Protein backbone atom coordinates (compact mmCIF):
# COMPACT_ATOMS: atom_id res chain seq x y z
CA UNK A 1 47.90 -2.13 -25.84
CA UNK A 2 46.17 0.00 -23.20
CA UNK A 3 43.10 -1.53 -21.54
CA UNK A 4 39.86 -0.56 -23.28
CA UNK A 5 37.41 -1.86 -20.74
CA UNK A 6 38.65 -0.81 -17.35
CA UNK A 7 35.58 -0.18 -15.17
CA UNK A 8 35.93 2.88 -12.95
CA UNK A 9 33.62 5.21 -11.06
CA UNK A 10 30.74 2.74 -11.09
CA UNK A 11 28.61 2.26 -7.99
CA UNK A 12 28.76 -1.05 -6.09
CA UNK A 13 25.61 -3.11 -5.74
CA UNK A 14 23.50 -2.15 -2.75
CA UNK A 15 23.24 -5.47 -0.91
CA UNK A 16 24.09 -6.94 2.46
CA UNK A 17 22.29 -4.23 4.42
CA UNK A 18 19.31 -4.10 6.78
CA UNK A 19 16.29 -2.41 5.19
CA UNK A 20 14.81 -1.92 8.65
CA UNK A 21 17.72 0.34 9.63
CA UNK A 22 15.41 3.29 9.11
CA UNK A 23 15.13 5.77 11.99
CA UNK A 24 11.68 7.07 11.06
CA UNK A 25 10.31 3.53 10.84
CA UNK A 26 11.83 2.36 14.12
CA UNK A 27 10.85 5.50 16.02
CA UNK A 28 7.27 5.12 14.77
CA UNK A 29 7.23 1.42 15.64
CA UNK A 30 8.12 2.19 19.24
CA UNK A 31 5.85 5.23 19.50
CA UNK A 32 2.80 3.32 18.24
CA UNK A 33 3.21 0.53 20.78
CA UNK A 34 5.02 -2.18 18.83
CA UNK A 35 8.59 -1.77 20.01
CA UNK A 36 8.49 -5.40 21.09
CA UNK A 37 8.58 -6.37 17.37
CA UNK A 38 11.79 -4.50 16.55
CA UNK A 39 13.92 -7.65 16.41
CA UNK A 40 11.40 -9.30 14.06
CA UNK A 41 11.39 -6.25 11.78
CA UNK A 42 15.20 -6.26 11.68
CA UNK A 43 15.21 -9.97 10.88
CA UNK A 44 13.03 -9.32 7.87
CA UNK A 45 15.08 -6.25 6.93
CA UNK A 46 18.32 -8.23 6.86
CA UNK A 47 16.72 -10.91 4.69
CA UNK A 48 15.32 -8.27 2.34
CA UNK A 49 18.76 -6.72 1.97
CA UNK A 50 20.41 -9.87 0.66
CA UNK A 51 21.41 -10.18 -2.97
CA UNK A 52 19.55 -13.50 -3.16
CA UNK A 53 16.19 -11.99 -2.20
CA UNK A 54 16.70 -8.96 -4.41
CA UNK A 55 17.11 -11.42 -7.27
CA UNK A 56 13.74 -12.95 -6.39
CA UNK A 57 12.11 -9.57 -6.97
CA UNK A 58 13.87 -9.11 -10.29
CA UNK A 59 13.11 -12.58 -11.62
CA UNK A 60 9.39 -12.59 -10.82
CA UNK A 61 9.00 -9.36 -12.76
CA UNK A 62 11.11 -10.51 -15.69
CA UNK A 63 9.03 -13.72 -15.83
CA UNK A 64 5.40 -12.62 -15.32
CA UNK A 65 2.56 -15.08 -14.64
CA UNK A 66 0.98 -17.04 -17.49
CA UNK A 67 -2.66 -17.97 -17.89
CA UNK A 68 -3.58 -21.57 -18.67
CA UNK A 69 -7.31 -21.66 -19.39
CA UNK A 70 -7.39 -25.30 -20.59
CA UNK A 71 -5.33 -28.45 -20.23
CA UNK A 72 -3.83 -30.29 -23.21
CA UNK A 73 -7.05 -32.17 -24.00
CA UNK A 74 -9.38 -29.18 -23.72
CA UNK A 75 -10.64 -29.35 -20.15
CA UNK A 76 -11.09 -25.96 -18.52
CA UNK A 77 -8.56 -25.52 -15.69
CA UNK A 78 -8.32 -21.71 -15.18
CA UNK A 79 -4.84 -21.81 -13.67
CA UNK A 80 -2.08 -19.21 -13.52
CA UNK A 81 1.57 -20.27 -13.52
CA UNK A 82 4.05 -18.23 -11.50
CA UNK A 83 7.83 -18.10 -11.38
CA UNK A 84 9.03 -20.24 -8.44
CA UNK A 85 10.38 -17.21 -6.59
CA UNK A 86 6.85 -15.76 -6.44
CA UNK A 87 6.07 -18.55 -4.02
CA UNK A 88 9.29 -17.85 -2.10
CA UNK A 89 8.23 -14.22 -1.65
CA UNK A 90 4.74 -15.24 -0.58
CA UNK A 91 6.10 -17.82 1.84
CA UNK A 92 8.30 -15.27 3.60
CA UNK A 93 5.46 -12.73 3.78
CA UNK A 94 3.00 -15.22 5.25
CA UNK A 95 5.46 -16.86 7.67
CA UNK A 96 6.37 -13.41 9.03
CA UNK A 97 2.73 -12.44 9.58
CA UNK A 98 2.30 -9.79 6.88
CA UNK A 99 -1.11 -11.23 6.00
CA UNK A 100 -4.04 -11.77 8.39
CA UNK A 101 -2.00 -13.07 11.33
CA UNK A 102 -2.44 -9.92 13.50
CA UNK A 103 -6.19 -10.47 13.68
CA UNK A 104 -5.52 -13.63 15.70
CA UNK A 105 -2.83 -12.13 17.93
CA UNK A 106 -4.02 -10.85 21.28
CA UNK A 107 -1.15 -8.43 21.71
CA UNK A 108 -1.23 -4.62 21.54
CA UNK A 109 0.77 -3.34 18.58
CA UNK A 110 0.33 -6.45 16.43
CA UNK A 111 -1.13 -4.47 13.52
CA UNK A 112 1.56 -1.78 13.78
CA UNK A 113 4.25 -4.46 13.77
CA UNK A 114 2.65 -5.96 10.69
CA UNK A 115 2.62 -2.52 9.00
CA UNK A 116 6.35 -2.09 9.68
CA UNK A 117 7.12 -5.51 8.22
CA UNK A 118 4.94 -4.77 5.20
CA UNK A 119 6.89 -1.52 4.69
CA UNK A 120 10.25 -3.31 4.83
CA UNK A 121 9.39 -6.37 2.75
CA UNK A 122 7.47 -4.55 0.00
CA UNK A 123 10.62 -2.61 -0.89
CA UNK A 124 11.95 -5.82 -2.43
CA UNK A 125 8.93 -6.62 -4.58
CA UNK A 126 5.54 -4.94 -4.58
CA UNK A 127 3.46 -7.27 -6.74
CA UNK A 128 3.09 -10.12 -4.29
CA UNK A 129 1.99 -7.75 -1.55
CA UNK A 130 -1.36 -7.38 -3.35
CA UNK A 131 -2.72 -10.80 -2.26
CA UNK A 132 -1.01 -10.34 1.11
CA UNK A 133 -2.83 -7.03 1.61
CA UNK A 134 -6.18 -8.43 0.51
CA UNK A 135 -5.86 -11.39 2.86
CA UNK A 136 -5.16 -8.98 5.73
CA UNK A 137 -8.08 -6.77 4.74
CA UNK A 138 -10.63 -9.54 4.21
CA UNK A 139 -11.01 -10.53 7.86
CA UNK A 140 -13.01 -7.51 9.18
CA UNK A 141 -15.45 -7.84 6.27
CA UNK A 142 -15.77 -11.59 6.70
CA UNK A 143 -16.74 -11.13 10.34
CA UNK A 144 -20.10 -9.79 9.16
CA UNK A 145 -20.95 -13.50 8.73
CA UNK A 146 -19.82 -15.17 11.98
CA UNK A 147 -20.30 -18.69 10.61
CA UNK A 148 -18.06 -18.03 7.60
CA UNK A 149 -15.54 -16.23 9.80
CA UNK A 150 -15.37 -19.19 12.16
CA UNK A 151 -14.58 -21.47 9.23
CA UNK A 152 -12.17 -19.35 7.23
CA UNK A 153 -10.53 -16.82 9.56
CA UNK A 154 -8.19 -19.29 11.33
CA UNK A 155 -6.93 -20.48 7.95
CA UNK A 156 -6.54 -16.95 6.57
CA UNK A 157 -4.49 -16.05 9.66
CA UNK A 158 -2.37 -19.22 9.62
CA UNK A 159 1.37 -18.69 9.17
CA UNK A 160 1.61 -21.27 6.36
CA UNK A 161 1.56 -20.44 2.66
CA UNK A 162 -0.17 -23.44 1.08
CA UNK A 163 -0.46 -22.82 -2.66
CA UNK A 164 -2.62 -25.03 -4.83
CA UNK A 165 -6.16 -25.75 -5.99
CA UNK A 166 -7.83 -27.66 -3.15
CA UNK A 167 -10.93 -27.40 -1.02
CA UNK A 168 -10.18 -24.67 1.56
CA UNK A 169 -10.83 -26.74 4.68
CA UNK A 170 -8.18 -29.26 3.58
CA UNK A 171 -5.43 -26.61 3.37
CA UNK A 172 -3.08 -25.37 6.09
CA UNK A 173 -3.46 -21.71 5.12
CA UNK A 174 -5.55 -19.58 2.77
CA UNK A 175 -5.11 -16.45 0.66
CA UNK A 176 -8.03 -14.10 -0.05
CA UNK A 177 -8.77 -11.94 -3.08
CA UNK A 178 -11.25 -9.19 -3.83
CA UNK A 179 -13.34 -8.67 -6.95
CA UNK A 180 -15.47 -5.52 -7.13
CA UNK A 181 -14.94 -3.45 -10.29
CA UNK A 182 -16.75 -4.03 -13.55
CA UNK A 183 -16.16 -2.54 -16.96
CA UNK A 184 -19.28 -0.36 -16.94
CA UNK A 185 -18.69 1.08 -13.47
CA UNK A 186 -15.07 1.16 -12.36
CA UNK A 187 -15.09 2.97 -9.02
CA UNK A 188 -18.89 3.30 -9.23
CA UNK A 189 -19.55 -0.18 -7.85
CA UNK A 190 -23.26 0.55 -7.42
CA UNK A 191 -23.47 0.35 -11.21
CA UNK A 192 -22.39 -3.30 -11.10
CA UNK A 193 -24.53 -5.70 -13.13
CA UNK A 194 -23.36 -9.07 -11.76
CA UNK A 195 -26.40 -10.81 -10.28
CA UNK A 196 -26.78 -13.09 -7.27
CA UNK A 197 -29.78 -15.43 -7.17
CA UNK A 198 -30.70 -17.17 -3.91
CA UNK A 199 -30.72 -20.95 -4.13
CA UNK A 200 -33.04 -21.50 -1.19
CA UNK A 201 -30.50 -23.35 0.93
CA UNK A 202 -28.54 -20.33 2.13
CA UNK A 203 -26.34 -20.01 -0.94
CA UNK A 204 -26.43 -17.77 -4.00
CA UNK A 205 -25.63 -18.31 -7.68
CA UNK A 206 -23.62 -15.45 -9.20
CA UNK A 207 -23.54 -14.58 -12.89
CA UNK A 208 -21.54 -11.72 -14.39
CA UNK A 209 -18.18 -10.37 -15.49
CA UNK A 210 -15.55 -8.65 -13.35
CA UNK A 211 -13.11 -6.29 -15.04
CA UNK A 212 -10.28 -6.42 -12.46
CA UNK A 213 -9.61 -9.29 -10.08
CA UNK A 214 -6.12 -9.25 -8.66
CA UNK A 215 -4.58 -12.51 -7.47
CA UNK A 216 -7.07 -14.86 -9.21
CA UNK A 217 -5.26 -17.87 -7.71
CA UNK A 218 -6.52 -16.92 -4.24
CA UNK A 219 -8.49 -19.55 -2.34
CA UNK A 220 -11.50 -17.34 -1.57
CA UNK A 221 -12.81 -14.03 -2.88
CA UNK A 222 -14.99 -11.26 -1.54
CA UNK A 223 -17.11 -9.85 -4.33
CA UNK A 224 -20.09 -7.59 -4.95
CA UNK A 225 -23.24 -8.56 -6.84
CA UNK A 226 -26.84 -7.43 -7.18
CA UNK A 227 -29.05 -9.61 -4.96
CA UNK A 228 -32.85 -9.23 -4.73
CA UNK A 229 -32.31 -6.79 -1.85
CA UNK A 230 -29.70 -4.72 -3.68
CA UNK A 231 -25.91 -4.64 -3.99
CA UNK A 232 -24.51 -7.22 -1.58
CA UNK A 233 -21.21 -8.80 -0.54
CA UNK A 234 -20.45 -12.48 -1.08
CA UNK A 235 -17.69 -14.97 -0.35
CA UNK A 236 -16.77 -17.28 -3.23
CA UNK A 237 -14.26 -20.14 -2.90
CA UNK A 238 -12.36 -21.42 -5.94
CA UNK A 239 -13.14 -24.97 -4.83
CA UNK A 240 -16.56 -25.82 -3.40
CA UNK A 241 -17.08 -27.88 -0.21
CA UNK A 242 -17.86 -30.97 -2.31
CA UNK A 243 -14.44 -30.70 -3.99
CA UNK A 244 -15.68 -29.47 -7.38
CA UNK A 245 -14.37 -26.33 -9.04
CA UNK A 246 -16.48 -23.25 -8.63
CA UNK A 247 -17.60 -21.78 -11.96
CA UNK A 248 -15.15 -18.87 -11.88
CA UNK A 249 -13.57 -18.64 -15.33
CA UNK A 250 -10.49 -16.55 -16.18
CA UNK A 251 -10.99 -14.61 -19.41
CA UNK A 252 -7.53 -13.06 -19.69
CA UNK A 253 -4.70 -11.55 -17.64
CA UNK A 254 -4.20 -7.81 -17.81
CA UNK A 255 -1.02 -6.56 -19.53
CA UNK A 256 -0.16 -3.88 -16.98
CA UNK A 257 2.25 -0.97 -16.80
CA UNK A 258 3.76 -2.29 -13.58
CA UNK A 259 2.96 -4.78 -10.83
CA UNK A 260 3.76 -7.35 -13.48
CA UNK A 261 4.61 -10.20 -11.13
CA UNK A 262 1.03 -10.16 -9.84
CA UNK A 263 -1.70 -11.69 -11.98
CA UNK A 264 -4.72 -9.43 -12.49
CA UNK A 265 -7.54 -11.01 -14.43
CA UNK A 266 -10.88 -10.46 -16.07
CA UNK A 267 -13.12 -13.18 -14.71
CA UNK A 268 -16.55 -14.55 -15.47
CA UNK A 269 -19.00 -15.92 -12.91
CA UNK A 270 -20.94 -18.59 -14.76
CA UNK A 271 -23.46 -19.47 -12.04
CA UNK A 272 -20.69 -19.52 -9.44
CA UNK A 273 -21.66 -20.45 -5.89
CA UNK A 274 -21.28 -17.92 -3.10
CA UNK A 275 -22.44 -17.12 0.42
CA UNK A 276 -23.76 -13.81 1.68
CA UNK A 277 -21.50 -11.72 3.92
CA UNK A 278 -23.49 -9.15 5.85
CA UNK A 279 -27.01 -8.18 4.85
CA UNK A 280 -28.54 -7.97 1.40
CA UNK A 281 -28.37 -4.44 0.03
CA UNK A 282 -25.49 -3.43 2.33
CA UNK A 283 -22.61 -4.71 0.23
CA UNK A 284 -20.63 -1.47 0.14
CA UNK A 285 -20.98 -0.95 3.89
CA UNK A 286 -19.90 -4.57 4.47
CA UNK A 287 -16.83 -4.44 2.28
CA UNK A 288 -15.74 -0.89 3.16
CA UNK A 289 -13.58 -2.07 6.05
CA UNK A 290 -11.65 -4.25 3.61
CA UNK A 291 -11.24 -1.22 1.36
CA UNK A 292 -10.01 0.94 4.25
CA UNK A 293 -7.36 -1.59 5.20
CA UNK A 294 -6.11 -1.93 1.63
CA UNK A 295 -6.02 1.87 1.45
CA UNK A 296 -3.77 1.85 4.50
CA UNK A 297 -1.50 -0.58 2.67
CA UNK A 298 -1.49 1.81 -0.30
CA UNK A 299 -0.07 4.46 2.03
CA UNK A 300 2.46 2.04 3.52
CA UNK A 301 3.45 0.82 0.06
CA UNK A 302 3.81 4.37 -1.23
CA UNK A 303 6.02 5.27 1.72
CA UNK A 304 8.07 2.11 1.18
CA UNK A 305 8.64 3.00 -2.46
CA UNK A 306 9.82 6.46 -1.47
CA UNK A 307 12.23 5.00 1.06
CA UNK A 308 13.58 2.58 -1.58
CA UNK A 309 14.08 5.43 -4.06
CA UNK A 310 15.69 7.78 -1.54
CA UNK A 311 18.13 5.11 -0.34
CA UNK A 312 19.09 4.10 -3.90
CA UNK A 313 19.64 7.72 -4.89
CA UNK A 314 21.77 8.41 -1.79
CA UNK A 315 23.79 5.22 -2.29
CA UNK A 316 24.57 6.18 -5.87
CA UNK A 317 25.51 9.74 -4.95
CA UNK A 318 27.79 8.57 -2.13
CA UNK A 319 29.85 6.31 -4.44
CA UNK A 320 29.78 8.27 -7.69
CA UNK A 321 32.39 10.96 -8.29
CA UNK A 322 31.93 13.89 -10.63
CA UNK A 323 33.82 17.13 -11.16
CA UNK A 324 36.45 16.14 -8.63
CA UNK A 325 34.35 15.05 -5.65
CA UNK A 326 31.65 12.62 -4.54
CA UNK A 327 28.28 13.41 -6.05
CA UNK A 328 26.65 13.69 -2.63
CA UNK A 329 29.04 16.56 -1.84
CA UNK A 330 27.76 18.65 -4.73
CA UNK A 331 25.47 21.36 -3.26
CA UNK A 332 22.66 20.94 -5.77
CA UNK A 333 22.62 17.17 -5.41
CA UNK A 334 22.47 17.48 -1.62
CA UNK A 335 19.38 19.64 -2.09
CA UNK A 336 17.74 16.99 -4.26
CA UNK A 337 18.64 14.13 -1.92
CA UNK A 338 17.46 16.01 1.16
CA UNK A 339 14.18 16.92 -0.54
CA UNK A 340 13.59 13.27 -1.45
CA UNK A 341 14.39 12.27 2.13
CA UNK A 342 11.97 14.82 3.59
CA UNK A 343 9.16 13.50 1.39
CA UNK A 344 10.02 9.94 2.36
CA UNK A 345 10.06 10.62 6.10
CA UNK A 346 6.80 12.58 5.94
CA UNK A 347 5.12 9.62 4.23
CA UNK A 348 6.56 7.11 6.69
CA UNK A 349 5.62 8.99 9.86
CA UNK A 350 2.06 9.36 8.57
CA UNK A 351 1.83 5.69 7.60
CA UNK A 352 2.89 4.53 11.08
CA UNK A 353 0.51 6.95 12.79
CA UNK A 354 -2.36 5.66 10.66
CA UNK A 355 -1.40 2.07 11.41
CA UNK A 356 -1.61 2.88 15.11
CA UNK A 357 -4.94 4.65 14.65
CA UNK A 358 -6.30 1.68 12.72
CA UNK A 359 -5.29 -0.71 15.47
CA UNK A 360 -6.85 1.38 18.20
CA UNK A 361 -9.99 1.92 16.10
CA UNK A 362 -10.34 -1.84 15.68
CA UNK A 363 -10.13 -2.13 19.49
CA UNK A 364 -13.06 0.29 19.89
CA UNK A 365 -11.36 3.70 20.31
CA UNK A 366 -13.92 6.06 18.72
CA UNK A 367 -11.61 9.08 18.69
CA UNK A 368 -8.98 7.14 16.76
CA UNK A 369 -11.65 5.76 14.43
CA UNK A 370 -12.83 9.29 13.67
CA UNK A 371 -9.26 10.44 13.01
CA UNK A 372 -8.58 7.45 10.80
CA UNK A 373 -11.72 8.07 8.76
CA UNK A 374 -10.50 11.44 7.51
CA UNK A 375 -6.71 11.24 7.87
CA UNK A 376 -6.50 7.95 5.96
CA UNK A 377 -8.44 9.35 3.01
CA UNK A 378 -6.35 12.51 2.73
CA UNK A 379 -3.05 10.69 3.27
CA UNK A 380 -3.93 7.97 0.76
CA UNK A 381 -4.60 10.73 -1.77
CA UNK A 382 -1.41 12.68 -1.12
CA UNK A 383 1.25 10.03 -0.50
CA UNK A 384 0.12 7.95 -3.47
CA UNK A 385 -0.06 11.04 -5.67
CA UNK A 386 3.49 12.04 -4.73
CA UNK A 387 4.99 8.60 -5.32
CA UNK A 388 5.46 8.83 -9.13
CA UNK A 389 7.16 12.24 -8.94
CA UNK A 390 9.40 10.96 -6.16
CA UNK A 391 10.32 7.82 -8.09
CA UNK A 392 11.12 9.83 -11.23
CA UNK A 393 13.44 12.17 -9.33
CA UNK A 394 15.17 9.32 -7.50
CA UNK A 395 15.70 7.54 -10.82
CA UNK A 396 17.20 10.70 -12.32
CA UNK A 397 19.76 10.87 -9.50
CA UNK A 398 21.33 7.77 -11.07
CA UNK A 399 21.46 9.42 -14.49
CA UNK A 400 21.45 7.05 -17.44
CA UNK A 401 22.18 4.14 -15.13
CA UNK A 402 18.84 4.75 -13.46
CA UNK A 403 17.05 4.32 -16.79
CA UNK A 404 18.50 0.83 -17.18
CA UNK A 405 16.48 -2.12 -15.86
CA UNK A 406 19.42 -3.55 -13.91
CA UNK A 407 19.29 -0.59 -11.54
CA UNK A 408 15.83 -1.54 -10.31
CA UNK A 409 14.64 2.04 -10.69
CA UNK A 410 12.48 1.51 -13.82
CA UNK A 411 10.49 -1.12 -11.92
CA UNK A 412 10.03 1.31 -9.03
CA UNK A 413 8.85 3.98 -11.47
CA UNK A 414 6.37 1.65 -13.20
CA UNK A 415 5.03 0.53 -9.85
CA UNK A 416 4.63 4.03 -8.44
CA UNK A 417 1.27 5.06 -10.03
CA UNK A 418 -0.56 1.94 -8.89
CA UNK A 419 -1.35 2.88 -5.30
CA UNK A 420 -2.96 6.11 -6.46
CA UNK A 421 -5.32 4.08 -8.66
CA UNK A 422 -5.88 1.04 -6.44
CA UNK A 423 -8.83 1.33 -4.03
CA UNK A 424 -9.97 4.63 -5.46
CA UNK A 425 -8.08 6.99 -7.78
CA UNK A 426 -7.09 10.49 -6.74
CA UNK A 427 -10.52 12.01 -7.35
CA UNK A 428 -12.27 9.18 -5.52
CA UNK A 429 -9.98 9.56 -2.49
CA UNK A 430 -10.43 13.34 -2.45
CA UNK A 431 -14.21 13.08 -2.69
CA UNK A 432 -14.22 10.40 0.00
CA UNK A 433 -12.46 12.85 2.31
CA UNK A 434 -15.20 15.41 1.63
CA UNK A 435 -17.81 12.72 2.29
CA UNK A 436 -16.18 11.95 5.63
CA UNK A 437 -16.25 15.60 6.63
CA UNK A 438 -19.89 15.95 5.60
CA UNK A 439 -21.28 12.75 7.08
CA UNK A 440 -19.01 12.39 10.11
CA UNK A 441 -18.26 15.84 11.55
CA UNK A 442 -16.47 14.15 14.44
CA UNK A 443 -13.73 13.18 11.96
CA UNK A 444 -12.99 16.87 11.40
CA UNK A 445 -12.90 17.49 15.15
CA UNK A 446 -10.57 14.52 15.63
CA UNK A 447 -8.31 15.77 12.85
CA UNK A 448 -7.92 19.22 14.37
CA UNK A 449 -7.43 17.71 17.83
CA UNK A 450 -4.54 15.70 16.38
CA UNK A 451 -2.77 18.44 14.44
CA UNK A 452 -3.24 21.07 17.13
CA UNK A 453 -1.16 18.96 19.51
CA UNK A 454 1.77 20.55 17.66
CA UNK A 455 0.34 24.07 17.91
CA UNK A 456 2.90 26.70 18.89
CA UNK A 457 5.89 24.57 17.95
CA UNK A 458 6.33 26.07 14.48
CA UNK A 459 4.63 29.25 13.20
CA UNK A 460 4.54 27.91 9.64
CA UNK A 461 2.50 24.93 10.81
CA UNK A 462 0.22 27.18 12.85
CA UNK A 463 -0.39 29.31 9.78
CA UNK A 464 -1.15 26.25 7.66
CA UNK A 465 -3.70 25.00 10.22
CA UNK A 466 -5.34 28.42 9.95
CA UNK A 467 -5.47 28.08 6.15
CA UNK A 468 -7.18 24.72 6.52
CA UNK A 469 -9.88 26.27 8.70
CA UNK A 470 -10.34 29.04 6.12
CA UNK A 471 -10.67 26.51 3.28
CA UNK A 472 -13.34 24.64 5.21
CA UNK A 473 -15.24 27.76 6.29
CA UNK A 474 -16.93 28.16 2.89
CA UNK A 475 -18.05 24.89 1.27
CA UNK A 476 -19.95 26.43 -1.65
CA UNK A 477 -17.58 25.09 -4.32
CA UNK A 478 -15.65 22.59 -2.22
CA UNK A 479 -16.00 19.71 -4.70
CA UNK A 480 -14.22 21.79 -7.35
CA UNK A 481 -11.52 22.59 -4.77
CA UNK A 482 -11.38 19.06 -3.37
CA UNK A 483 -7.81 18.27 -4.37
CA UNK A 484 -6.55 21.61 -3.07
CA UNK A 485 -8.32 21.12 0.27
CA UNK A 486 -7.24 17.49 0.69
CA UNK A 487 -3.63 18.28 -0.24
CA UNK A 488 -3.46 20.94 2.46
CA UNK A 489 -5.05 18.61 5.02
CA UNK A 490 -2.47 15.93 4.22
CA UNK A 491 0.46 18.34 4.47
CA UNK A 492 -0.76 19.69 7.79
CA UNK A 493 -1.17 16.15 9.11
CA UNK A 494 2.37 15.21 8.04
CA UNK A 495 3.81 18.48 9.31
CA UNK A 496 2.24 18.12 12.73
CA UNK A 497 3.66 14.61 13.12
CA UNK A 498 7.16 15.66 12.03
CA UNK A 499 7.15 18.68 14.36
CA UNK A 500 6.12 16.52 17.31
CA UNK A 501 8.01 13.32 16.61
CA UNK A 502 10.43 13.78 13.72
CA UNK A 503 14.03 14.84 13.37
CA UNK A 504 14.44 18.58 13.91
CA UNK A 505 16.20 19.20 10.59
CA UNK A 506 13.59 17.22 8.66
CA UNK A 507 10.69 18.99 10.37
CA UNK A 508 12.25 22.40 9.70
CA UNK A 509 12.79 21.62 6.02
CA UNK A 510 9.24 20.27 5.69
CA UNK A 511 7.64 23.30 7.30
CA UNK A 512 9.79 25.76 5.35
CA UNK A 513 9.06 24.13 2.00
CA UNK A 514 5.70 22.33 2.13
CA UNK A 515 3.93 24.66 4.57
CA UNK A 516 5.88 27.93 4.43
CA UNK A 517 5.90 28.11 0.65
CA UNK A 518 9.69 28.55 0.31
CA UNK A 519 9.86 25.78 -2.28
CA UNK A 520 9.82 25.34 -6.02
CA UNK A 521 7.80 22.90 -8.08
CA UNK A 522 10.46 20.22 -8.64
CA UNK A 523 12.34 18.28 -5.98
CA UNK A 524 15.68 19.89 -5.11
CA UNK A 525 14.29 23.35 -4.45
CA UNK A 526 14.59 23.46 -0.66
CA UNK A 527 15.45 26.93 0.67
CA UNK A 528 18.87 27.90 1.93
CA UNK A 529 19.44 27.41 5.61
CA UNK A 530 18.03 23.87 5.95
CA UNK A 531 20.47 21.26 7.23
CA UNK A 532 20.69 19.05 4.15
CA UNK A 533 23.61 17.01 5.49
CA UNK A 534 21.76 16.09 8.69
CA UNK A 535 18.73 15.08 6.62
CA UNK A 536 20.61 12.93 4.11
CA UNK A 537 22.56 11.22 6.91
CA UNK A 538 19.25 9.74 8.07
CA UNK A 539 18.67 8.11 4.68
CA UNK A 540 21.73 5.91 5.07
CA UNK A 541 22.82 5.87 8.73
């Protein structure tokens, strides 16, 4: 009898590689002043490329967290149970400094190094990076209360993941969460109804309901509530200094499209104790730095997802044969793969530039702060908006195999819309960019100073910069045109970075397609004449 189940022309598992072997990432790491961390980034990349760690990512998503509101005899416990590998992922992230560790490192480039590690490690599993990102982002906000910062910052920055319900000062390391949105307001946090009543001894009692609180097992939370002086920011621990549980009750866990390994909860503050961070009535201003840092992680995470998708698509096409030759030798497939790679590199070069700007802004560089204010908003909008289309095209490169869970591509696709929603949906990000231009004109000047450093290098970029100036010349209906304006700003920002720092073939393809208009609507419509083979070679060196 002839064999009926001989497996041929199937693609080997992509494992045993270094996820940090990414030229755009490494070039950006060195350029932004963190070349000293290259060995550390490679160490994490090798670990992320192992079959064992890839299984961690699969298992925590196949076994999502479970809410336990009460114990067996009816006592309220408000606990969430995770798959054991969730804790493995968190332990690696914390021990490698992806959380708040850079805030305690007196070394230039520490935040850029952290961004590169975040980019590499989040390609394995995105859900657990939510509490990691919030812990990183909490520190600048917490510093608005020096006494609280002195108590909690060293523990937030500690390189030990110490899971469990205990009083914070007794733990070796802490994780922070953030709780802002409510069902009646969503992004409009000023519509929040949660109240904060002063107790007279420096504390506040909070009462209300929060619609989305990611990582409810965090040790401390930054939250917004209406104090007598207006909307204010507060720090709430899960366990109070006297060892009793704070009255933070979990109502339910959200059943989400993606990000399923990460618990997101509706919570109730039933006279929960908290302490003011910043001044009463200035809650948004206090917490905005936390929001900006999580927005940066949205950009980094979006770029990481694109890199993951582009590499998986290229790996499949290299090993799959069709119509007599390898799939990556078929002209139309090379166009698709190159187009995916161009989008990926544009996102990555922007993410590393913004990480560098954020670091220098934190050190007091006002020019970099002004650039970050506008460039982060427009890049957050564009990169996160492009991620779902990129993931869908990368998945399609694998054909039917890409639609099967075992490929990992469905998880990537389900994850891809999140960053565009998290910390402000597309409209919020676009309007925030307009707000930056209106309230901080120096951000516009800093933006043009940055992109004009590439002036004269490519006429298509020069023309696009001119179009930006024309769009901004008449602001009569700019809110209606906000997405159009912000998209063009983001493309010009990416194009200028690629022209100055990127691979020549990638920069040429980007300018021809994204800026020159010689491009279709779907991926795989690059014009003739671009060097697709040089571009795809960079995906998998």
